[in-house]
Amino acid sequence: MAVEAGKGNLAMCEGAELGQALCGDPSDMETVLAGYELPFFTRRASFAEQTARNHRRFFGDEAPHSVVPLFTAHWSRLAPQSRQPEYRVHPEEGALLSPRLL
């Protein structure tokens, strides 16, 4: 799973933020970098935490049962009540079955 927790590749955005920070006061690089790094590492720590949680959800001991509520919640926001899929886990193989529309 991506470190960005599904947020996409943030390298371009972070590079632009660093460039803006460096343009602000190029004479004091230590202060500029410290001001850039704190939000950078804070944001990355949050994404790493989300990624670890998702990894446990999809590949942990409770998988695939732990994924069913995630997909059910997702569909409940997108589909009308009468067309929500029902996710089920195969009783013998433990695999998540394709949704069956109600």
N, C-alpha and C. Protein backbone atom coordinates (compact mmCIF):
# COMPACT_ATOMS: atom_id res chain seq x y z
N MET A 1 0.84 -1.17 0.00
CA MET A 1 0.00 0.00 0.00
C MET A 1 0.89 1.24 0.00
N ALA A 2 0.41 2.24 -0.69
CA ALA A 2 1.18 3.47 -0.81
C ALA A 2 1.26 4.21 0.52
N VAL A 3 2.38 4.82 0.77
CA VAL A 3 2.57 5.58 2.00
C VAL A 3 1.58 6.74 2.08
N GLU A 4 1.13 7.22 0.93
CA GLU A 4 0.22 8.35 0.90
C GLU A 4 -1.20 7.98 1.29
N ALA A 5 -1.45 6.74 1.64
CA ALA A 5 -2.78 6.29 2.07
C ALA A 5 -3.84 6.59 1.03
N GLY A 6 -3.48 6.40 -0.22
CA GLY A 6 -4.45 6.63 -1.28
C GLY A 6 -4.65 8.09 -1.64
N LYS A 7 -3.82 8.97 -1.15
CA LYS A 7 -3.98 10.39 -1.43
C LYS A 7 -3.30 10.80 -2.73
N GLY A 8 -2.67 9.87 -3.40
CA GLY A 8 -1.97 10.20 -4.65
C GLY A 8 -0.53 10.59 -4.36
N ASN A 9 0.22 10.78 -5.40
CA ASN A 9 1.61 11.14 -5.26
C ASN A 9 1.71 12.62 -4.90
N LEU A 10 2.23 12.90 -3.74
CA LEU A 10 2.30 14.26 -3.25
C LEU A 10 3.65 14.92 -3.51
N ALA A 11 4.56 14.25 -4.19
CA ALA A 11 5.90 14.78 -4.38
C ALA A 11 5.91 16.11 -5.12
N MET A 12 5.09 16.25 -6.15
CA MET A 12 5.06 17.50 -6.90
C MET A 12 4.55 18.65 -6.02
N CYS A 13 3.50 18.41 -5.28
CA CYS A 13 2.94 19.42 -4.39
C CYS A 13 3.95 19.80 -3.31
N GLU A 14 4.60 18.80 -2.73
CA GLU A 14 5.57 19.08 -1.68
C GLU A 14 6.79 19.80 -2.23
N GLY A 15 7.18 19.47 -3.47
CA GLY A 15 8.29 20.18 -4.10
C GLY A 15 7.95 21.64 -4.33
N ALA A 16 6.72 21.90 -4.75
CA ALA A 16 6.28 23.29 -4.95
C ALA A 16 6.26 24.04 -3.63
N GLU A 17 5.80 23.39 -2.57
CA GLU A 17 5.78 24.04 -1.25
C GLU A 17 7.20 24.36 -0.79
N LEU A 18 8.12 23.44 -1.02
CA LEU A 18 9.52 23.69 -0.64
C LEU A 18 10.10 24.85 -1.45
N GLY A 19 9.79 24.88 -2.75
CA GLY A 19 10.27 25.98 -3.59
C GLY A 19 9.76 27.33 -3.11
N GLN A 20 8.48 27.37 -2.74
CA GLN A 20 7.91 28.62 -2.22
C GLN A 20 8.59 29.02 -0.91
N ALA A 21 8.84 28.05 -0.06
CA ALA A 21 9.49 28.33 1.21
C ALA A 21 10.90 28.88 0.98
N LEU A 22 11.64 28.28 0.07
CA LEU A 22 13.01 28.72 -0.21
C LEU A 22 13.04 30.11 -0.82
N CYS A 23 12.04 30.44 -1.60
CA CYS A 23 11.96 31.78 -2.19
C CYS A 23 11.62 32.84 -1.15
N GLY A 24 11.03 32.43 -0.06
CA GLY A 24 10.62 33.39 0.97
C GLY A 24 11.80 34.10 1.61
N ASP A 25 12.83 33.38 2.00
CA ASP A 25 14.00 33.99 2.63
C ASP A 25 15.21 33.07 2.41
N PRO A 26 15.83 33.16 1.23
CA PRO A 26 16.94 32.26 0.93
C PRO A 26 18.19 32.51 1.78
N SER A 27 18.22 33.58 2.55
CA SER A 27 19.40 33.86 3.36
C SER A 27 19.43 33.04 4.66
N ASP A 28 18.29 32.50 5.08
CA ASP A 28 18.22 31.74 6.33
C ASP A 28 17.64 30.36 6.06
N MET A 29 18.43 29.52 5.43
CA MET A 29 17.96 28.20 5.00
C MET A 29 17.50 27.31 6.16
N GLU A 30 18.19 27.36 7.29
CA GLU A 30 17.81 26.51 8.42
C GLU A 30 16.40 26.81 8.91
N THR A 31 16.07 28.08 9.02
CA THR A 31 14.74 28.47 9.48
C THR A 31 13.69 28.11 8.43
N VAL A 32 14.03 28.35 7.16
CA VAL A 32 13.11 28.03 6.07
C VAL A 32 12.82 26.53 6.05
N LEU A 33 13.87 25.72 6.13
CA LEU A 33 13.68 24.26 6.11
C LEU A 33 12.93 23.78 7.34
N ALA A 34 13.21 24.34 8.49
CA ALA A 34 12.50 23.93 9.71
C ALA A 34 11.01 24.26 9.58
N GLY A 35 10.69 25.42 9.01
CA GLY A 35 9.29 25.80 8.82
C GLY A 35 8.59 24.92 7.80
N TYR A 36 9.34 24.40 6.83
CA TYR A 36 8.75 23.50 5.82
C TYR A 36 8.60 22.09 6.37
N GLU A 37 9.58 21.63 7.11
CA GLU A 37 9.62 20.23 7.53
C GLU A 37 8.55 19.87 8.55
N LEU A 38 8.23 20.76 9.46
CA LEU A 38 7.25 20.42 10.49
C LEU A 38 5.90 20.02 9.89
N PRO A 39 5.28 20.85 9.02
CA PRO A 39 4.01 20.40 8.42
C PRO A 39 4.19 19.18 7.51
N PHE A 40 5.35 19.11 6.84
CA PHE A 40 5.63 17.97 5.95
C PHE A 40 5.61 16.67 6.74
N PHE A 41 6.38 16.60 7.82
CA PHE A 41 6.46 15.37 8.59
C PHE A 41 5.16 15.09 9.34
N THR A 42 4.48 16.12 9.78
CA THR A 42 3.18 15.93 10.42
C THR A 42 2.20 15.29 9.45
N ARG A 43 2.14 15.82 8.22
CA ARG A 43 1.24 15.28 7.20
C ARG A 43 1.63 13.85 6.84
N ARG A 44 2.92 13.61 6.66
CA ARG A 44 3.38 12.26 6.30
C ARG A 44 3.11 11.26 7.42
N ALA A 45 3.23 11.66 8.67
CA ALA A 45 2.94 10.76 9.78
C ALA A 45 1.48 10.35 9.77
N SER A 46 0.61 11.30 9.46
CA SER A 46 -0.82 11.00 9.38
C SER A 46 -1.09 10.00 8.27
N PHE A 47 -0.46 10.20 7.11
CA PHE A 47 -0.66 9.28 5.99
C PHE A 47 -0.09 7.90 6.31
N ALA A 48 1.05 7.85 6.97
CA ALA A 48 1.64 6.56 7.34
C ALA A 48 0.73 5.81 8.30
N GLU A 49 0.12 6.54 9.23
CA GLU A 49 -0.82 5.92 10.18
C GLU A 49 -2.05 5.36 9.45
N GLN A 50 -2.59 6.13 8.51
CA GLN A 50 -3.74 5.67 7.73
C GLN A 50 -3.38 4.45 6.90
N THR A 51 -2.18 4.46 6.32
CA THR A 51 -1.73 3.33 5.51
C THR A 51 -1.60 2.07 6.35
N ALA A 52 -1.02 2.20 7.54
CA ALA A 52 -0.87 1.05 8.43
C ALA A 52 -2.23 0.49 8.83
N ARG A 53 -3.18 1.39 9.12
CA ARG A 53 -4.54 0.95 9.47
C ARG A 53 -5.19 0.23 8.29
N ASN A 54 -5.04 0.77 7.08
CA ASN A 54 -5.61 0.12 5.90
C ASN A 54 -4.95 -1.22 5.63
N HIS A 55 -3.64 -1.30 5.85
CA HIS A 55 -2.93 -2.56 5.63
C HIS A 55 -3.47 -3.64 6.57
N ARG A 56 -3.65 -3.28 7.84
CA ARG A 56 -4.22 -4.25 8.79
C ARG A 56 -5.63 -4.64 8.38
N ARG A 57 -6.41 -3.68 7.90
CA ARG A 57 -7.79 -3.94 7.52
C ARG A 57 -7.85 -4.92 6.35
N PHE A 58 -7.00 -4.73 5.34
CA PHE A 58 -7.07 -5.56 4.14
C PHE A 58 -6.27 -6.85 4.23
N PHE A 59 -5.22 -6.88 5.05
CA PHE A 59 -4.36 -8.06 5.08
C PHE A 59 -4.20 -8.67 6.46
N GLY A 60 -4.86 -8.14 7.47
CA GLY A 60 -4.73 -8.64 8.84
C GLY A 60 -5.51 -9.91 9.07
N ASP A 61 -5.48 -10.35 10.30
CA ASP A 61 -6.14 -11.61 10.68
C ASP A 61 -7.65 -11.57 10.48
N GLU A 62 -8.24 -10.41 10.56
CA GLU A 62 -9.69 -10.28 10.43
C GLU A 62 -10.15 -10.11 8.98
N ALA A 63 -9.22 -9.97 8.05
CA ALA A 63 -9.58 -9.81 6.63
C ALA A 63 -10.16 -11.13 6.11
N PRO A 64 -11.08 -11.12 5.23
CA PRO A 64 -11.70 -9.98 4.56
C PRO A 64 -12.90 -9.41 5.32
N HIS A 65 -13.26 -10.01 6.45
CA HIS A 65 -14.43 -9.53 7.20
C HIS A 65 -14.28 -8.06 7.60
N SER A 66 -13.05 -7.63 7.87
CA SER A 66 -12.81 -6.26 8.30
C SER A 66 -13.02 -5.24 7.18
N VAL A 67 -13.09 -5.72 5.94
CA VAL A 67 -13.26 -4.82 4.80
C VAL A 67 -14.75 -4.58 4.49
N VAL A 68 -15.58 -5.49 4.88
CA VAL A 68 -17.01 -5.39 4.55
C VAL A 68 -17.62 -4.07 5.04
N PRO A 69 -17.41 -3.65 6.29
CA PRO A 69 -17.99 -2.37 6.72
C PRO A 69 -17.47 -1.17 5.92
N LEU A 70 -16.21 -1.24 5.50
CA LEU A 70 -15.65 -0.15 4.71
C LEU A 70 -16.38 0.02 3.39
N PHE A 71 -16.57 -1.08 2.67
CA PHE A 71 -17.26 -1.01 1.39
C PHE A 71 -18.74 -0.69 1.57
N THR A 72 -19.34 -1.23 2.59
CA THR A 72 -20.75 -0.96 2.84
C THR A 72 -20.97 0.52 3.12
N ALA A 73 -20.10 1.11 3.92
CA ALA A 73 -20.21 2.54 4.22
C ALA A 73 -20.00 3.37 2.97
N HIS A 74 -19.05 2.96 2.14
CA HIS A 74 -18.79 3.69 0.89
C HIS A 74 -20.02 3.68 -0.01
N TRP A 75 -20.60 2.52 -0.19
CA TRP A 75 -21.77 2.43 -1.07
C TRP A 75 -22.99 3.12 -0.49
N SER A 76 -23.09 3.16 0.81
CA SER A 76 -24.26 3.82 1.40
C SER A 76 -24.25 5.32 1.13
N ARG A 77 -23.06 5.88 0.90
CA ARG A 77 -22.98 7.29 0.55
C ARG A 77 -23.23 7.52 -0.94
N LEU A 78 -23.00 6.52 -1.78
CA LEU A 78 -23.09 6.70 -3.22
C LEU A 78 -24.39 6.20 -3.85
N ALA A 79 -24.90 5.11 -3.34
CA ALA A 79 -26.04 4.47 -3.98
C ALA A 79 -27.33 4.76 -3.21
N PRO A 80 -28.43 4.86 -3.93
CA PRO A 80 -29.71 4.97 -3.22
C PRO A 80 -29.94 3.73 -2.37
N GLN A 81 -30.71 3.88 -1.34
CA GLN A 81 -30.94 2.77 -0.39
C GLN A 81 -31.41 1.50 -1.10
N SER A 82 -32.23 1.65 -2.12
CA SER A 82 -32.78 0.48 -2.79
C SER A 82 -31.77 -0.23 -3.68
N ARG A 83 -30.61 0.38 -3.96
CA ARG A 83 -29.63 -0.23 -4.87
C ARG A 83 -28.28 -0.46 -4.19
N GLN A 84 -28.24 -0.53 -2.87
CA GLN A 84 -26.97 -0.73 -2.19
C GLN A 84 -26.52 -2.17 -2.32
N PRO A 85 -25.21 -2.38 -2.60
CA PRO A 85 -24.72 -3.75 -2.71
C PRO A 85 -24.61 -4.41 -1.34
N GLU A 86 -24.69 -5.68 -1.36
CA GLU A 86 -24.51 -6.46 -0.13
C GLU A 86 -23.21 -7.23 -0.28
N TYR A 87 -22.22 -6.89 0.53
CA TYR A 87 -20.94 -7.58 0.48
C TYR A 87 -21.00 -8.78 1.40
N ARG A 88 -20.48 -9.89 0.90
CA ARG A 88 -20.48 -11.11 1.69
C ARG A 88 -19.11 -11.76 1.60
N VAL A 89 -18.79 -12.59 2.57
CA VAL A 89 -17.54 -13.32 2.59
C VAL A 89 -17.85 -14.78 2.35
N HIS A 90 -17.10 -15.40 1.44
CA HIS A 90 -17.29 -16.82 1.12
C HIS A 90 -17.06 -17.62 2.40
N PRO A 91 -18.02 -18.47 2.78
CA PRO A 91 -17.92 -19.17 4.07
C PRO A 91 -16.75 -20.14 4.16
N GLU A 92 -16.33 -20.72 3.04
CA GLU A 92 -15.25 -21.70 3.11
C GLU A 92 -13.89 -21.10 2.76
N GLU A 93 -13.85 -20.24 1.74
CA GLU A 93 -12.58 -19.71 1.28
C GLU A 93 -12.18 -18.43 1.99
N GLY A 94 -13.13 -17.73 2.61
CA GLY A 94 -12.81 -16.50 3.30
C GLY A 94 -12.56 -15.33 2.38
N ALA A 95 -12.89 -15.47 1.11
CA ALA A 95 -12.67 -14.38 0.15
C ALA A 95 -13.88 -13.46 0.11
N LEU A 96 -13.61 -12.18 -0.14
CA LEU A 96 -14.70 -11.22 -0.27
C LEU A 96 -15.37 -11.45 -1.61
N LEU A 97 -16.69 -11.68 -1.58
CA LEU A 97 -17.42 -11.94 -2.80
C LEU A 97 -17.86 -10.64 -3.45
N SER A 98 -18.03 -10.66 -4.74
CA SER A 98 -18.53 -9.49 -5.45
C SER A 98 -19.89 -9.09 -4.87
N PRO A 99 -20.14 -7.78 -4.87
CA PRO A 99 -21.40 -7.35 -4.29
C PRO A 99 -22.59 -7.82 -5.11
N ARG A 100 -23.66 -8.08 -4.41
CA ARG A 100 -24.93 -8.42 -5.05
C ARG A 100 -25.87 -7.27 -4.77
N LEU A 101 -26.39 -6.66 -5.81
CA LEU A 101 -27.29 -5.54 -5.62
C LEU A 101 -28.61 -6.02 -5.05
N LEU A 102 -29.07 -5.34 -4.04
CA LEU A 102 -30.33 -5.72 -3.40
C LEU A 102 -31.51 -5.31 -4.23
